[in-house]
Amino acid sequence: MSEQKKGVFLAIGAYLMWGIIPLYWKQLQHVGSVEILVGRVIWSFVFTVLFVLLIRQYKQMIVDIKMLWKNKKQFILLFVASVFVSLNWGIFIWAVNNGHLLQTSLGYYINPLISVLFGMIFFKEKISRATAVAVIIAAIGVGYQAVLGGTIPWVSLALALTFAFYGVIKKQIPLDATRGLAIETLFVLPIAVSIYIYLMNTSEIAFMHVDWKTNLLLMGGGIVTALPLVLFAKSAQKIPLYLMGFIQFLAPTISLMLGIFLYKEPFTLTEFITFVCIWLAVFIFSASKVFEARKQHATYNKENEVKV
């Protein structure tokens, strides 16, 4: 099997896991969202560190931490990034367990478009006309739901914005994905542990006070967080970005199907029109990326032929 095919399978595995992860959090509906979140942070740290030890990268992780400590700007930036990703996790868990799975799907559909917009704003990256059109159409879709539907999809926007800001910060810090997750969770670990202690003192904690299944699910939150990220990191090294761009829409599509057909969340005409706008924007965006990749590939081949 070629490296690219391996990369495709790894990417599909990562996005399949991200797509079906609502099924996992739904099993913990009887547990408070705050406890699930802080447990996710704590157990993500534990399992990611164990994985780093397993692949014998613990020395490099110590080097990474020392490097960050010397560079105060990157240290602060990574702390802010860890806050953004924690907020993203918390909003997602709350939304899934409070009947807003469709909004999470919408959020992850528009996330790549907002990331492109942020690239233009923060890094002066140029965007194609097709991408600009896609962003405008997506904005029209969200605006339609806000104005005519009478509801602002704040969950969708919050998820997309927190993850886009996380991406902007991470782009400025060259860290391996696995070690990076371990260090990010280390940053917010004291906060998570403090909240856990508070919940214990107020008797508002489920862990170790409920059935074994719930305890295992809470602990397993670390694995379901770390594993898809590891698969994604491995796949990103093997396949081109435009291909990853297509595969990434697998996760919100699965979430959308789960929300409509399994959990029977209301899917009104207003929401349908909003999603149609987003789907159109995603199609234009993805098609433009494929066209750009093919154009670059053709130019590269032509230059090589000239050299020969």
Protein backbone atom coordinates (compact mmCIF):
# COMPACT_ATOMS: atom_id res chain seq x y z
CA MET A 1 0.00 0.00 0.00
CA SER A 2 1.34 3.44 -0.97
CA GLU A 3 2.04 6.09 1.66
CA GLN A 4 -0.73 8.30 0.24
CA LYS A 5 -3.31 5.51 0.55
CA LYS A 6 -2.20 4.91 4.14
CA GLY A 7 -2.62 8.64 4.74
CA VAL A 8 -6.14 8.60 3.30
CA PHE A 9 -7.17 5.69 5.56
CA LEU A 10 -5.64 7.40 8.60
CA ALA A 11 -7.44 10.68 7.78
CA ILE A 12 -10.76 8.89 7.25
CA GLY A 13 -10.24 7.12 10.58
CA ALA A 14 -9.60 10.44 12.34
CA TYR A 15 -12.62 12.22 10.87
CA LEU A 16 -14.87 9.19 11.37
CA MET A 17 -13.99 9.27 15.06
CA TRP A 18 -14.63 13.02 15.23
CA GLY A 19 -17.94 12.47 13.42
CA ILE A 20 -19.26 9.79 15.76
CA ILE A 21 -17.85 11.25 18.98
CA PRO A 22 -21.31 12.75 19.82
CA LEU A 23 -22.46 9.14 20.37
CA TYR A 24 -19.82 8.91 23.10
CA TRP A 25 -20.72 12.14 24.89
CA LYS A 26 -24.43 11.28 24.70
CA GLN A 27 -23.68 8.33 27.00
CA LEU A 28 -22.68 10.88 29.63
CA GLN A 29 -25.79 13.08 29.51
CA HIS A 30 -26.43 12.35 33.19
CA VAL A 31 -23.07 13.94 34.07
CA GLY A 32 -22.60 17.72 34.16
CA SER A 33 -20.90 19.30 31.14
CA VAL A 34 -18.31 21.02 33.38
CA GLU A 35 -17.24 17.71 34.95
CA ILE A 36 -17.03 16.04 31.53
CA LEU A 37 -14.85 18.90 30.26
CA VAL A 38 -12.41 18.97 33.18
CA GLY A 39 -12.27 15.18 33.10
CA ARG A 40 -11.51 15.34 29.40
CA VAL A 41 -8.62 17.73 30.05
CA ILE A 42 -7.18 15.61 32.88
CA TRP A 43 -7.49 12.25 31.13
CA SER A 44 -6.31 13.68 27.80
CA PHE A 45 -3.15 14.79 29.59
CA VAL A 46 -2.70 11.38 31.23
CA PHE A 47 -3.19 9.32 28.07
CA THR A 48 -1.24 11.68 25.81
CA VAL A 49 1.74 11.65 28.19
CA LEU A 50 1.54 7.84 28.33
CA PHE A 51 1.54 7.75 24.53
CA VAL A 52 4.53 10.12 24.39
CA LEU A 53 6.36 7.78 26.80
CA LEU A 54 5.35 4.78 24.69
CA ILE A 55 6.82 6.25 21.49
CA ARG A 56 9.86 7.45 23.45
CA GLN A 57 9.45 11.15 22.76
CA TYR A 58 9.41 12.24 26.42
CA LYS A 59 12.92 13.73 26.16
CA GLN A 60 11.84 15.80 23.17
CA MET A 61 8.74 16.94 25.08
CA ILE A 62 10.97 18.19 27.91
CA VAL A 63 13.04 20.05 25.29
CA ASP A 64 9.79 21.55 23.91
CA ILE A 65 8.75 22.76 27.37
CA LYS A 66 12.19 24.31 28.01
CA MET A 67 12.06 26.01 24.61
CA LEU A 68 8.63 27.46 25.39
CA TRP A 69 9.79 28.65 28.82
CA LYS A 70 12.67 30.56 27.21
CA ASN A 71 10.38 32.11 24.60
CA LYS A 72 7.82 33.95 26.73
CA LYS A 73 5.76 35.04 23.70
CA GLN A 74 5.26 31.44 22.54
CA PHE A 75 4.66 30.34 26.13
CA ILE A 76 1.81 32.84 26.51
CA LEU A 77 0.45 32.08 23.03
CA LEU A 78 0.29 28.35 23.74
CA PHE A 79 -1.48 29.02 27.04
CA VAL A 80 -4.07 31.11 25.17
CA ALA A 81 -4.36 28.33 22.56
CA SER A 82 -5.02 25.79 25.32
CA VAL A 83 -7.80 28.02 26.68
CA PHE A 84 -9.39 28.32 23.22
CA VAL A 85 -9.31 24.56 22.58
CA SER A 86 -10.72 23.90 26.07
CA LEU A 87 -13.56 26.33 25.38
CA ASN A 88 -14.16 24.55 22.06
CA TRP A 89 -14.34 21.17 23.83
CA GLY A 90 -16.68 22.55 26.48
CA ILE A 91 -19.07 24.19 24.02
CA PHE A 92 -19.16 21.01 21.93
CA ILE A 93 -19.93 18.76 24.92
CA TRP A 94 -22.64 21.12 26.19
CA ALA A 95 -24.19 21.44 22.72
CA VAL A 96 -24.27 17.69 22.07
CA ASN A 97 -25.86 16.91 25.43
CA ASN A 98 -28.41 19.73 25.18
CA GLY A 99 -29.88 18.94 21.76
CA HIS A 100 -27.77 21.21 19.54
CA LEU A 101 -25.90 18.61 17.47
CA LEU A 102 -27.00 20.25 14.20
CA GLN A 103 -25.40 23.50 15.31
CA THR A 104 -22.12 21.71 16.00
CA SER A 105 -22.28 20.29 12.48
CA LEU A 106 -22.85 23.76 11.03
CA GLY A 107 -19.95 25.11 13.08
CA TYR A 108 -17.47 22.57 11.73
CA TYR A 109 -18.69 23.10 8.16
CA ILE A 110 -17.94 26.83 8.33
CA ASN A 111 -14.73 26.46 10.36
CA PRO A 112 -12.40 26.03 7.32
CA LEU A 113 -13.92 29.15 5.73
CA ILE A 114 -13.37 31.21 8.89
CA SER A 115 -9.82 29.83 9.10
CA VAL A 116 -9.17 31.09 5.56
CA LEU A 117 -10.61 34.48 6.51
CA PHE A 118 -8.36 34.62 9.59
CA GLY A 119 -5.38 33.71 7.42
CA MET A 120 -6.12 36.77 5.31
CA ILE A 121 -6.60 39.03 8.36
CA PHE A 122 -3.72 37.87 10.58
CA PHE A 123 -1.15 36.59 8.08
CA LYS A 124 -2.01 38.70 5.01
CA GLU A 125 -2.60 35.51 3.03
CA LYS A 126 -4.14 36.00 -0.38
CA ILE A 127 -7.41 34.25 -1.11
CA SER A 128 -8.82 33.37 -4.50
CA ARG A 129 -12.05 34.84 -5.86
CA ALA A 130 -13.72 31.45 -5.46
CA THR A 131 -12.77 31.32 -1.77
CA ALA A 132 -14.02 34.90 -1.27
CA VAL A 133 -17.34 33.93 -2.90
CA ALA A 134 -17.55 30.85 -0.66
CA VAL A 135 -17.01 32.95 2.49
CA ILE A 136 -19.70 35.44 1.37
CA ILE A 137 -22.21 32.66 0.65
CA ALA A 138 -21.53 31.10 4.06
CA ALA A 139 -22.07 34.51 5.70
CA ILE A 140 -25.37 34.87 3.81
CA GLY A 141 -26.46 31.46 5.13
CA VAL A 142 -25.69 32.37 8.74
CA GLY A 143 -27.23 35.83 8.26
CA TYR A 144 -30.39 34.29 6.82
CA GLN A 145 -30.87 32.15 9.92
CA ALA A 146 -30.19 35.12 12.19
CA VAL A 147 -32.52 37.59 10.44
CA LEU A 148 -35.35 35.51 8.97
CA GLY A 149 -35.09 32.54 11.31
CA GLY A 150 -34.88 34.83 14.33
CA THR A 151 -32.06 32.83 15.91
CA ILE A 152 -28.32 33.44 15.83
CA PRO A 153 -26.47 30.10 15.59
CA TRP A 154 -24.19 31.11 18.46
CA VAL A 155 -23.06 27.52 19.14
CA SER A 156 -21.94 27.15 15.50
CA LEU A 157 -20.16 30.51 15.53
CA ALA A 158 -18.54 29.88 18.92
CA LEU A 159 -17.20 26.48 17.82
CA ALA A 160 -15.90 27.82 14.50
CA LEU A 161 -14.33 30.95 16.03
CA THR A 162 -12.65 29.24 19.00
CA PHE A 163 -11.13 26.58 16.75
CA ALA A 164 -10.09 29.14 14.14
CA PHE A 165 -8.35 31.28 16.81
CA TYR A 166 -6.72 28.08 18.11
CA GLY A 167 -5.45 27.40 14.58
CA VAL A 168 -4.10 30.94 14.19
CA ILE A 169 -2.08 30.61 17.40
CA LYS A 170 -0.87 27.07 16.70
CA LYS A 171 0.41 28.16 13.30
CA GLN A 172 2.94 30.37 15.09
CA ILE A 173 4.23 27.57 17.36
CA PRO A 174 6.08 24.68 15.67
CA LEU A 175 5.10 21.73 17.88
CA ASP A 176 4.43 18.06 17.14
CA ALA A 177 0.67 17.34 17.41
CA THR A 178 0.93 14.66 20.10
CA ARG A 179 3.50 16.42 22.28
CA GLY A 180 1.65 19.67 21.63
CA LEU A 181 -1.60 18.24 23.01
CA ALA A 182 0.22 16.97 26.11
CA ILE A 183 1.72 20.42 26.74
CA GLU A 184 -1.56 22.24 26.01
CA THR A 185 -3.47 20.09 28.48
CA LEU A 186 -0.62 20.58 30.97
CA PHE A 187 -1.26 24.34 30.77
CA VAL A 188 -4.93 24.03 31.73
CA LEU A 189 -4.43 21.03 34.03
CA PRO A 190 -4.17 23.16 37.23
CA ILE A 191 -7.45 24.89 36.34
CA ALA A 192 -9.14 21.55 35.58
CA VAL A 193 -7.89 19.97 38.82
CA SER A 194 -9.02 23.02 40.83
CA ILE A 195 -12.52 22.78 39.35
CA TYR A 196 -12.56 19.04 40.06
CA ILE A 197 -11.64 19.65 43.71
CA TYR A 198 -14.39 22.29 43.94
CA LEU A 199 -16.94 19.84 42.50
CA MET A 200 -15.81 17.19 44.99
CA ASN A 201 -16.23 19.60 47.91
CA THR A 202 -19.73 20.57 46.77
CA SER A 203 -20.74 16.92 46.19
CA GLU A 204 -21.53 17.73 42.56
CA ILE A 205 -19.26 15.08 41.08
CA ALA A 206 -20.15 11.82 39.38
CA PHE A 207 -16.72 10.20 39.00
CA MET A 208 -16.22 7.36 41.52
CA HIS A 209 -19.74 7.99 42.85
CA VAL A 210 -21.66 6.29 40.03
CA ASP A 211 -21.62 2.99 38.10
CA TRP A 212 -18.39 1.59 36.65
CA LYS A 213 -19.57 2.24 33.06
CA THR A 214 -19.80 6.00 33.69
CA ASN A 215 -16.39 6.01 35.40
CA LEU A 216 -14.81 4.23 32.41
CA LEU A 217 -16.51 6.58 29.94
CA LEU A 218 -15.22 9.62 31.82
CA MET A 219 -11.69 8.21 31.80
CA GLY A 220 -12.02 7.16 28.16
CA GLY A 221 -12.69 10.78 27.24
CA GLY A 222 -8.92 11.19 27.18
CA ILE A 223 -8.51 8.40 24.63
CA VAL A 224 -11.27 9.59 22.28
CA THR A 225 -9.66 13.04 22.39
CA ALA A 226 -6.07 11.94 21.77
CA LEU A 227 -6.49 9.04 19.31
CA PRO A 228 -8.09 10.91 16.37
CA LEU A 229 -5.55 13.69 16.79
CA VAL A 230 -2.70 11.18 16.51
CA LEU A 231 -4.29 9.65 13.38
CA PHE A 232 -4.75 13.12 11.91
CA ALA A 233 -1.14 14.09 12.62
CA LYS A 234 0.14 10.92 10.92
CA SER A 235 -2.16 11.37 7.91
CA ALA A 236 -1.20 15.02 7.42
CA GLN A 237 2.38 13.89 6.71
CA LYS A 238 1.26 11.54 3.92
CA ILE A 239 -1.47 13.27 1.90
CA PRO A 240 -1.79 16.68 0.19
CA LEU A 241 -3.78 19.43 1.90
CA TYR A 242 -6.49 19.60 -0.78
CA LEU A 243 -7.29 15.91 -0.17
CA MET A 244 -7.40 16.52 3.57
CA GLY A 245 -9.72 19.43 2.83
CA PHE A 246 -12.25 17.07 1.27
CA ILE A 247 -12.01 14.42 3.98
CA GLN A 248 -12.46 16.96 6.82
CA PHE A 249 -16.13 17.48 5.87
CA LEU A 250 -16.82 13.84 6.73
CA ALA A 251 -17.08 14.67 10.46
CA PRO A 252 -19.78 17.40 10.29
CA THR A 253 -21.72 15.34 7.72
CA ILE A 254 -21.86 12.37 10.10
CA SER A 255 -22.89 14.68 12.97
CA LEU A 256 -25.63 16.16 10.78
CA MET A 257 -27.00 12.70 9.95
CA LEU A 258 -26.89 11.69 13.62
CA GLY A 259 -28.71 14.86 14.65
CA ILE A 260 -31.50 14.48 12.10
CA PHE A 261 -32.07 10.72 11.92
CA LEU A 262 -30.92 9.32 15.27
CA TYR A 263 -31.62 12.11 17.75
CA LYS A 264 -34.53 13.64 15.79
CA GLU A 265 -33.42 17.24 16.29
CA PRO A 266 -35.75 19.72 14.52
CA PHE A 267 -34.56 20.51 10.99
CA THR A 268 -36.73 23.39 9.82
CA LEU A 269 -36.89 25.03 6.39
CA THR A 270 -34.80 27.92 7.73
CA GLU A 271 -32.08 25.54 8.89
CA PHE A 272 -32.26 23.64 5.60
CA ILE A 273 -31.71 26.85 3.60
CA THR A 274 -28.82 27.79 5.91
CA PHE A 275 -27.20 24.40 5.35
CA VAL A 276 -27.74 24.64 1.58
CA CYS A 277 -25.81 27.93 1.60
CA ILE A 278 -23.03 26.32 3.65
CA TRP A 279 -22.91 23.23 1.42
CA LEU A 280 -22.66 25.44 -1.66
CA ALA A 281 -19.87 27.45 -0.02
CA VAL A 282 -18.04 24.25 0.95
CA PHE A 283 -18.37 22.89 -2.61
CA ILE A 284 -16.98 26.09 -4.16
CA PHE A 285 -14.17 26.23 -1.58
CA SER A 286 -13.19 22.56 -2.05
CA ALA A 287 -13.42 22.69 -5.85
CA SER A 288 -11.19 25.78 -5.94
CA LYS A 289 -8.59 24.02 -3.77
CA VAL A 290 -8.56 21.00 -6.10
CA PHE A 291 -8.20 23.29 -9.12
CA GLU A 292 -5.32 25.17 -7.46
CA ALA A 293 -3.57 21.91 -6.51
CA ARG A 294 -3.87 20.52 -10.05
CA LYS A 295 -2.62 23.78 -11.51
CA GLN A 296 0.42 23.75 -9.21
CA HIS A 297 1.08 20.08 -10.03
CA ALA A 298 0.89 20.79 -13.78
CA THR A 299 3.27 23.76 -13.40
CA TYR A 300 5.71 21.63 -11.40
CA ASN A 301 5.68 18.87 -14.04
CA LYS A 302 6.17 21.40 -16.84
CA GLU A 303 9.17 22.96 -15.07
CA ASN A 304 10.73 19.52 -14.59
CA GLU A 305 10.25 18.70 -18.28
CA VAL A 306 12.00 21.93 -19.24
CA LYS A 307 14.94 21.09 -16.94
CA VAL A 308 15.28 17.65 -18.51
